[in-house]
C-alpha atoms as a PDB file:
ATOM      1  CA  UNK A   1       6.826 -20.247  -6.021  1.00  0.00           C
ATOM      2  CA  UNK A   2       2.723 -19.788  -5.176  1.00  0.00           C
ATOM      3  CA  UNK A   3       1.240 -21.078  -8.718  1.00  0.00           C
ATOM      4  CA  UNK A   4       0.732 -17.950 -10.970  1.00  0.00           C
ATOM      5  CA  UNK A   5       0.923 -15.403  -8.243  1.00  0.00           C
ATOM      6  CA  UNK A   6      -0.637 -12.592  -9.537  1.00  0.00           C
ATOM      7  CA  UNK A   7      -0.533 -13.900 -13.757  1.00  0.00           C
ATOM      8  CA  UNK A   8      -3.206 -15.292 -15.129  1.00  0.00           C
ATOM      9  CA  UNK A   9      -7.031 -14.653 -14.800  1.00  0.00           C
ATOM     10  CA  UNK A  10      -8.944 -15.799 -11.400  1.00  0.00           C
ATOM     11  CA  UNK A  11     -12.440 -15.533 -10.025  1.00  0.00           C
ATOM     12  CA  UNK A  12     -11.617 -11.853  -8.219  1.00  0.00           C
ATOM     13  CA  UNK A  13     -12.576 -12.436  -4.192  1.00  0.00           C
ATOM     14  CA  UNK A  14     -14.650  -9.842  -3.157  1.00  0.00           C
ATOM     15  CA  UNK A  15     -14.100  -8.455   0.494  1.00  0.00           C
ATOM     16  CA  UNK A  16     -16.513  -5.910   1.181  1.00  0.00           C
ATOM     17  CA  UNK A  17     -20.045  -4.644  -0.013  1.00  0.00           C
ATOM     18  CA  UNK A  18     -17.928  -2.087  -1.629  1.00  0.00           C
ATOM     19  CA  UNK A  19     -15.234  -4.863  -3.739  1.00  0.00           C
ATOM     20  CA  UNK A  20     -11.919  -3.588  -2.516  1.00  0.00           C
ATOM     21  CA  UNK A  21     -10.161  -6.891  -5.147  1.00  0.00           C
ATOM     22  CA  UNK A  22      -6.472  -6.581  -5.000  1.00  0.00           C
ATOM     23  CA  UNK A  23      -6.280 -10.026  -7.404  1.00  0.00           C
ATOM     24  CA  UNK A  24      -6.981  -9.497 -11.540  1.00  0.00           C
ATOM     25  CA  UNK A  25      -5.638 -10.043 -13.790  1.00  0.00           C
ATOM     26  CA  UNK A  26      -3.547  -8.086 -15.424  1.00  0.00           C
ATOM     27  CA  UNK A  27      -0.594  -8.546 -12.170  1.00  0.00           C
ATOM     28  CA  UNK A  28      -1.580  -5.238  -9.949  1.00  0.00           C
ATOM     29  CA  UNK A  29      -3.052  -5.766  -7.224  1.00  0.00           C
ATOM     30  CA  UNK A  30      -5.803  -2.957  -7.874  1.00  0.00           C
ATOM     31  CA  UNK A  31      -7.825  -2.597 -10.626  1.00  0.00           C
ATOM     32  CA  UNK A  32      -7.769   1.331 -12.026  1.00  0.00           C
ATOM     33  CA  UNK A  33      -9.407   2.420 -15.883  1.00  0.00           C
ATOM     34  CA  UNK A  34      -6.361   4.270 -16.415  1.00  0.00           C
ATOM     35  CA  UNK A  35      -3.474   1.916 -14.477  1.00  0.00           C
ATOM     36  CA  UNK A  36      -2.355  -0.642 -17.668  1.00  0.00           C
ATOM     37  CA  UNK A  37      -1.599   2.635 -19.662  1.00  0.00           C
ATOM     38  CA  UNK A  38       0.314   4.079 -17.240  1.00  0.00           C
ATOM     39  CA  UNK A  39       2.226   0.145 -16.243  1.00  0.00           C
ATOM     40  CA  UNK A  40       2.646   0.312 -20.438  1.00  0.00           C
ATOM     41  CA  UNK A  41       2.794   4.143 -21.536  1.00  0.00           C
ATOM     42  CA  UNK A  42       6.359   4.751 -23.286  1.00  0.00           C
ATOM     43  CA  UNK A  43       8.567   7.876 -22.666  1.00  0.00           C
ATOM     44  CA  UNK A  44       6.984   9.985 -24.260  1.00  0.00           C
ATOM     45  CA  UNK A  45       3.925   9.424 -22.905  1.00  0.00           C
ATOM     46  CA  UNK A  46       5.564  10.073 -20.066  1.00  0.00           C
ATOM     47  CA  UNK A  47       6.111  13.210 -21.185  1.00  0.00           C
ATOM     48  CA  UNK A  48       2.744  13.960 -22.011  1.00  0.00           C
ATOM     49  CA  UNK A  49       1.575  12.605 -18.643  1.00  0.00           C
ATOM     50  CA  UNK A  50       3.323  15.216 -16.742  1.00  0.00           C
ATOM     51  CA  UNK A  51       3.194  18.191 -18.595  1.00  0.00           C
ATOM     52  CA  UNK A  52      -0.902  17.614 -18.281  1.00  0.00           C
ATOM     53  CA  UNK A  53      -0.418  17.180 -14.582  1.00  0.00           C
ATOM     54  CA  UNK A  54       1.767  20.117 -14.915  1.00  0.00           C
ATOM     55  CA  UNK A  55      -0.651  22.547 -16.957  1.00  0.00           C
ATOM     56  CA  UNK A  56      -3.796  21.373 -13.879  1.00  0.00           C
ATOM     57  CA  UNK A  57      -1.729  22.386 -11.171  1.00  0.00           C
ATOM     58  CA  UNK A  58      -1.149  25.681 -12.251  1.00  0.00           C
ATOM     59  CA  UNK A  59      -5.051  26.419 -11.944  1.00  0.00           C
ATOM     60  CA  UNK A  60      -4.964  24.546  -8.904  1.00  0.00           C
ATOM     61  CA  UNK A  61      -2.418  27.889  -8.293  1.00  0.00           C
ATOM     62  CA  UNK A  62      -4.857  30.504  -9.277  1.00  0.00           C
ATOM     63  CA  UNK A  63      -7.993  29.530  -8.412  1.00  0.00           C
ATOM     64  CA  UNK A  64      -6.786  29.941  -5.507  1.00  0.00           C
ATOM     65  CA  UNK A  65      -5.302  33.422  -5.583  1.00  0.00           C
ATOM     66  CA  UNK A  66      -1.778  33.168  -6.733  1.00  0.00           C
ATOM     67  CA  UNK A  67       0.093  33.862  -9.714  1.00  0.00           C
ATOM     68  CA  UNK A  68       2.231  30.778 -11.173  1.00  0.00           C
ATOM     69  CA  UNK A  69       4.053  32.812 -13.039  1.00  0.00           C
ATOM     70  CA  UNK A  70       6.164  34.451  -9.987  1.00  0.00           C
ATOM     71  CA  UNK A  71       9.773  33.330  -9.185  1.00  0.00           C
ATOM     72  CA  UNK A  72       8.611  31.232  -7.102  1.00  0.00           C
ATOM     73  CA  UNK A  73       5.872  29.145  -8.432  1.00  0.00           C
ATOM     74  CA  UNK A  74       7.260  28.805 -11.789  1.00  0.00           C
ATOM     75  CA  UNK A  75       8.321  25.946 -11.860  1.00  0.00           C
ATOM     76  CA  UNK A  76       5.624  24.175  -9.152  1.00  0.00           C
ATOM     77  CA  UNK A  77       3.476  22.876 -11.568  1.00  0.00           C
ATOM     78  CA  UNK A  78       6.547  20.649 -13.228  1.00  0.00           C
ATOM     79  CA  UNK A  79       8.106  19.871  -9.551  1.00  0.00           C
ATOM     80  CA  UNK A  80       4.590  18.741  -8.413  1.00  0.00           C
ATOM     81  CA  UNK A  81       3.535  16.636 -11.213  1.00  0.00           C
ATOM     82  CA  UNK A  82       6.503  14.776 -10.321  1.00  0.00           C
ATOM     83  CA  UNK A  83       6.790  14.535  -6.659  1.00  0.00           C
ATOM     84  CA  UNK A  84       3.044  13.922  -6.830  1.00  0.00           C
ATOM     85  CA  UNK A  85       3.479  11.074  -9.670  1.00  0.00           C
ATOM     86  CA  UNK A  86       6.943   9.571  -7.739  1.00  0.00           C
ATOM     87  CA  UNK A  87       4.163   9.255  -5.055  1.00  0.00           C
ATOM     88  CA  UNK A  88       2.307   7.315  -6.526  1.00  0.00           C
ATOM     89  CA  UNK A  89       3.927   4.896  -8.902  1.00  0.00           C
ATOM     90  CA  UNK A  90       2.393   1.995  -6.484  1.00  0.00           C
ATOM     91  CA  UNK A  91       0.415   1.860 -10.938  1.00  0.00           C
ATOM     92  CA  UNK A  92       3.364   1.642 -11.736  1.00  0.00           C
ATOM     93  CA  UNK A  93       4.204  -1.847 -10.244  1.00  0.00           C
ATOM     94  CA  UNK A  94       3.430  -5.571 -10.585  1.00  0.00           C
ATOM     95  CA  UNK A  95       3.157  -7.258  -6.988  1.00  0.00           C
ATOM     96  CA  UNK A  96       3.959 -10.736  -9.217  1.00  0.00           C
ATOM     97  CA  UNK A  97       7.233  -8.337 -10.495  1.00  0.00           C
ATOM     98  CA  UNK A  98       7.366  -7.611  -6.484  1.00  0.00           C
ATOM     99  CA  UNK A  99       7.914 -10.546  -5.090  1.00  0.00           C
ATOM    100  CA  UNK A 100       9.494 -12.502  -8.315  1.00  0.00           C
ATOM    101  CA  UNK A 101      11.093 -15.296  -7.238  1.00  0.00           C
ATOM    102  CA  UNK A 102      11.638 -15.014  -3.546  1.00  0.00           C
ATOM    103  CA  UNK A 103       9.134 -18.237  -2.063  1.00  0.00           C
ATOM    104  CA  UNK A 104      11.405 -20.542  -0.377  1.00  0.00           C
ATOM    105  CA  UNK A 105      10.043 -23.777   0.627  1.00  0.00           C
ATOM    106  CA  UNK A 106      10.429 -24.011   4.427  1.00  0.00           C
ATOM    107  CA  UNK A 107       9.531 -26.040   6.934  1.00  0.00           C
ATOM    108  CA  UNK A 108       8.887 -23.514   9.682  1.00  0.00           C
ATOM    109  CA  UNK A 109       5.230 -23.698  10.814  1.00  0.00           C
ATOM    110  CA  UNK A 110       5.672 -20.555  14.015  1.00  0.00           C
ATOM    111  CA  UNK A 111       5.004 -16.635  13.815  1.00  0.00           C
ATOM    112  CA  UNK A 112       6.802 -14.777  11.620  1.00  0.00           C
ATOM    113  CA  UNK A 113       6.534 -11.506  12.462  1.00  0.00           C
ATOM    114  CA  UNK A 114       8.305  -7.766   9.949  1.00  0.00           C
ATOM    115  CA  UNK A 115       6.341  -5.283  12.515  1.00  0.00           C
ATOM    116  CA  UNK A 116       7.032  -0.862  12.643  1.00  0.00           C
ATOM    117  CA  UNK A 117       7.716  -0.468   8.690  1.00  0.00           C
ATOM    118  CA  UNK A 118       7.167   3.551   8.201  1.00  0.00           C
ATOM    119  CA  UNK A 119       4.436   3.917   5.161  1.00  0.00           C
ATOM    120  CA  UNK A 120       3.118   6.796   3.036  1.00  0.00           C
ATOM    121  CA  UNK A 121       1.009   7.197   1.259  1.00  0.00           C
ATOM    122  CA  UNK A 122      -2.247   9.735   0.660  1.00  0.00           C
ATOM    123  CA  UNK A 123      -5.250  10.373   0.846  1.00  0.00           C
ATOM    124  CA  UNK A 124      -8.041  10.009  -1.768  1.00  0.00           C
ATOM    125  CA  UNK A 125     -10.357  11.766  -0.152  1.00  0.00           C
ATOM    126  CA  UNK A 126      -8.330  14.779  -0.126  1.00  0.00           C
ATOM    127  CA  UNK A 127      -5.132  13.811  -1.608  1.00  0.00           C
ATOM    128  CA  UNK A 128      -3.286  14.637   1.845  1.00  0.00           C
ATOM    129  CA  UNK A 129      -0.735  11.976   3.485  1.00  0.00           C
ATOM    130  CA  UNK A 130      -1.383  10.650   6.153  1.00  0.00           C
ATOM    131  CA  UNK A 131       2.170   8.501   7.193  1.00  0.00           C
ATOM    132  CA  UNK A 132       2.962   5.949   9.811  1.00  0.00           C
ATOM    133  CA  UNK A 133       3.831   1.602  11.143  1.00  0.00           C
ATOM    134  CA  UNK A 134       2.673  -1.086   9.540  1.00  0.00           C
ATOM    135  CA  UNK A 135       3.857  -4.766  11.561  1.00  0.00           C
ATOM    136  CA  UNK A 136       3.007  -7.861   9.171  1.00  0.00           C
ATOM    137  CA  UNK A 137       2.509 -11.502  10.042  1.00  0.00           C
ATOM    138  CA  UNK A 138       1.604 -15.122   8.331  1.00  0.00           C
ATOM    139  CA  UNK A 139       2.128 -18.898   9.681  1.00  0.00           C
ATOM    140  CA  UNK A 140       3.786 -20.775   7.342  1.00  0.00           C
ATOM    141  CA  UNK A 141       3.018 -23.328   5.710  1.00  0.00           C
ATOM    142  CA  UNK A 142       5.709 -24.854   4.088  1.00  0.00           C
ATOM    143  CA  UNK A 143       6.856 -21.807   2.328  1.00  0.00           C
ATOM    144  CA  UNK A 144       8.580 -18.692   3.153  1.00  0.00           C
ATOM    145  CA  UNK A 145       8.476 -15.082   1.539  1.00  0.00           C
ATOM    146  CA  UNK A 146      11.748 -12.793   1.990  1.00  0.00           C
ATOM    147  CA  UNK A 147      11.599 -10.726   3.847  1.00  0.00           C
ATOM    148  CA  UNK A 148      12.582  -7.481   2.359  1.00  0.00           C
ATOM    149  CA  UNK A 149       8.915  -8.288   0.371  1.00  0.00           C
ATOM    150  CA  UNK A 150       6.783  -8.091   3.113  1.00  0.00           C
ATOM    151  CA  UNK A 151       8.015  -4.216   3.460  1.00  0.00           C
ATOM    152  CA  UNK A 152       7.924  -4.255   0.481  1.00  0.00           C
ATOM    153  CA  UNK A 153       4.553  -5.324  -0.607  1.00  0.00           C
ATOM    154  CA  UNK A 154       3.495  -2.760   1.914  1.00  0.00           C
ATOM    155  CA  UNK A 155       5.270  -0.182   0.321  1.00  0.00           C
ATOM    156  CA  UNK A 156       3.937  -1.507  -3.121  1.00  0.00           C
ATOM    157  CA  UNK A 157      -0.044  -0.596  -2.230  1.00  0.00           C
ATOM    158  CA  UNK A 158       0.563   2.620  -0.149  1.00  0.00           C
ATOM    159  CA  UNK A 159       2.086   4.169  -2.899  1.00  0.00           C
ATOM    160  CA  UNK A 160      -1.420   4.729  -4.583  1.00  0.00           C
ATOM    161  CA  UNK A 161      -4.005   6.446  -3.568  1.00  0.00           C
ATOM    162  CA  UNK A 162      -5.573   5.170  -0.019  1.00  0.00           C
ATOM    163  CA  UNK A 163      -8.029   4.734   2.648  1.00  0.00           C
ATOM    164  CA  UNK A 164      -6.239   2.946   5.173  1.00  0.00           C
ATOM    165  CA  UNK A 165      -8.672  -0.180   5.995  1.00  0.00           C
ATOM    166  CA  UNK A 166      -8.662  -1.164   2.656  1.00  0.00           C
ATOM    167  CA  UNK A 167      -4.400  -0.611   2.364  1.00  0.00           C
ATOM    168  CA  UNK A 168      -4.632  -2.774   6.025  1.00  0.00           C
ATOM    169  CA  UNK A 169      -6.604  -5.849   3.678  1.00  0.00           C
ATOM    170  CA  UNK A 170      -5.229  -5.397   0.270  1.00  0.00           C
ATOM    171  CA  UNK A 171      -1.624  -6.161   2.417  1.00  0.00           C
ATOM    172  CA  UNK A 172      -3.221  -9.268   3.791  1.00  0.00           C
ATOM    173  CA  UNK A 173      -4.389  -9.919   0.811  1.00  0.00           C
ATOM    174  CA  UNK A 174      -1.044 -10.103  -1.092  1.00  0.00           C
ATOM    175  CA  UNK A 175       0.413 -12.567   1.300  1.00  0.00           C
ATOM    176  CA  UNK A 176      -1.985 -14.940   2.036  1.00  0.00           C
ATOM    177  CA  UNK A 177      -2.037 -15.120  -1.704  1.00  0.00           C
ATOM    178  CA  UNK A 178       1.785 -15.413  -2.210  1.00  0.00           C
ATOM    179  CA  UNK A 179       2.802 -18.020   0.184  1.00  0.00           C
ATOM    180  CA  UNK A 180      -0.945 -18.992   0.579  1.00  0.00           C
ATOM    181  CA  UNK A 181      -0.112 -19.090   4.135  1.00  0.00           C
ATOM    182  CA  UNK A 182      -1.876 -20.474   7.584  1.00  0.00           C
ATOM    183  CA  UNK A 183      -2.493 -17.064   8.599  1.00  0.00           C
ATOM    184  CA  UNK A 184      -2.038 -13.236   8.007  1.00  0.00           C
ATOM    185  CA  UNK A 185      -2.416 -10.754  10.778  1.00  0.00           C
ATOM    186  CA  UNK A 186      -1.989  -7.102   9.419  1.00  0.00           C
ATOM    187  CA  UNK A 187      -2.017  -4.295  11.309  1.00  0.00           C
ATOM    188  CA  UNK A 188      -1.480  -0.462  10.370  1.00  0.00           C
ATOM    189  CA  UNK A 189      -0.821   2.701  12.955  1.00  0.00           C
ATOM    190  CA  UNK A 190      -0.545   6.148  11.146  1.00  0.00           C
ATOM    191  CA  UNK A 191      -1.797  10.228  11.533  1.00  0.00           C
ATOM    192  CA  UNK A 192      -3.446  11.259   8.629  1.00  0.00           C
ATOM    193  CA  UNK A 193      -3.031  15.091   7.754  1.00  0.00           C
ATOM    194  CA  UNK A 194      -6.727  15.539   6.598  1.00  0.00           C
ATOM    195  CA  UNK A 195      -8.121  15.224  10.453  1.00  0.00           C
ATOM    196  CA  UNK A 196      -4.061  16.970  11.217  1.00  0.00           C
ATOM    197  CA  UNK A 197      -3.985  20.075   9.472  1.00  0.00           C
ATOM    198  CA  UNK A 198      -8.329  20.978   8.425  1.00  0.00           C
ATOM    199  CA  UNK A 199     -11.560  19.273   9.560  1.00  0.00           C
ATOM    200  CA  UNK A 200     -11.241  18.819  13.249  1.00  0.00           C
ATOM    201  CA  UNK A 201      -7.586  19.376  12.810  1.00  0.00           C
ATOM    202  CA  UNK A 202      -6.982  16.566  15.940  1.00  0.00           C
ATOM    203  CA  UNK A 203      -3.171  17.271  16.619  1.00  0.00           C
ATOM    204  CA  UNK A 204      -1.633  13.534  18.347  1.00  0.00           C
ATOM    205  CA  UNK A 205      -4.853  11.514  16.842  1.00  0.00           C
ATOM    206  CA  UNK A 206      -4.540   8.326  15.339  1.00  0.00           C
ATOM    207  CA  UNK A 207      -5.977   6.247  14.004  1.00  0.00           C
ATOM    208  CA  UNK A 208      -5.467   1.613  14.287  1.00  0.00           C
ATOM    209  CA  UNK A 209      -6.560  -1.015  11.547  1.00  0.00           C
ATOM    210  CA  UNK A 210      -5.780  -4.435  11.512  1.00  0.00           C
ATOM    211  CA  UNK A 211      -7.008  -7.300   9.045  1.00  0.00           C
ATOM    212  CA  UNK A 212      -6.243 -11.101  10.551  1.00  0.00           C
ATOM    213  CA  UNK A 213      -7.185 -14.296   8.081  1.00  0.00           C
ATOM    214  CA  UNK A 214      -7.470 -17.434   8.432  1.00  0.00           C
ATOM    215  CA  UNK A 215      -5.803 -18.450  11.852  1.00  0.00           C
ATOM    216  CA  UNK A 216      -4.769 -15.157  13.428  1.00  0.00           C
ATOM    217  CA  UNK A 217      -8.933 -15.478  12.938  1.00  0.00           C
ATOM    218  CA  UNK A 218     -10.699 -18.239  14.208  1.00  0.00           C
ATOM    219  CA  UNK A 219      -7.912 -18.721  17.284  1.00  0.00           C
ATOM    220  CA  UNK A 220      -8.482 -15.869  19.879  1.00  0.00           C
ATOM    221  CA  UNK A 221      -4.681 -17.213  21.353  1.00  0.00           C
ATOM    222  CA  UNK A 222      -2.643 -17.082  17.571  1.00  0.00           C
ATOM    223  CA  UNK A 223      -3.946 -13.346  18.298  1.00  0.00           C
ATOM    224  CA  UNK A 224      -3.217 -12.688  21.335  1.00  0.00           C
ATOM    225  CA  UNK A 225       0.158 -14.021  20.739  1.00  0.00           C
ATOM    226  CA  UNK A 226       0.176 -11.679  17.929  1.00  0.00           C
ATOM    227  CA  UNK A 227      -0.729  -8.866  19.492  1.00  0.00           C
ATOM    228  CA  UNK A 228       1.384  -8.989  22.596  1.00  0.00           C
ATOM    229  CA  UNK A 229       4.138 -10.073  20.292  1.00  0.00           C
ATOM    230  CA  UNK A 230       4.216  -6.140  18.046  1.00  0.00           C
ATOM    231  CA  UNK A 231       3.821  -3.928  20.832  1.00  0.00           C
ATOM    232  CA  UNK A 232       6.744  -5.018  23.128  1.00  0.00           C
ATOM    233  CA  UNK A 233       9.937  -3.695  23.404  1.00  0.00           C
ATOM    234  CA  UNK A 234      12.628  -4.809  20.987  1.00  0.00           C
ATOM    235  CA  UNK A 235      14.892  -7.574  22.374  1.00  0.00           C
ATOM    236  CA  UNK A 236      17.672  -6.146  20.484  1.00  0.00           C
ATOM    237  CA  UNK A 237      17.136  -2.948  22.838  1.00  0.00           C
END
């Protein structure tokens, strides 16, 4: 297994001028002020959090001109509080626990790709969904990661308030730290409700982001092979 994966303090990797690191001493991959509180809270604290959130939703309903006491909305604040906590459950997951012991020594140095992983997340700017597919590729360097863990990594980061650009980068950096491969490539194509339901209201538009690390960044042929493979029709069809 990759040494001390997400479990011990280490220098933070700065990936942009806004500093959005994956690594942090607590193994959460995205250190926020109250993330640790949520990670370790008791059942009683969880209930208190849910009730506080439900009260906020009730206020929201009143502010848009609704009556939260009418029959159709009486249980909505609690339902939405529970749903929002579920949709952001990635804050309650350590990446070290996601990957667990699914790292194996293997003499394989060809590209590994898991493509078209469905995901849904919440845009942190408007708190509305964006949904799409993630394709992840890496070139092993004596270590391989259980295939389902690639999907689990994508799921963990998507179940937090996100922007697509950061989500793409975080997935790539998590895979890089897990198995220290020769290269990592991540591509996300998604539809954003903040573009289709409001604002410019352009249904059918999609956003594509990519992160290339290591060999995928420095070798054009490797990068081209990855893009060719994720766009090719499935050999199983």
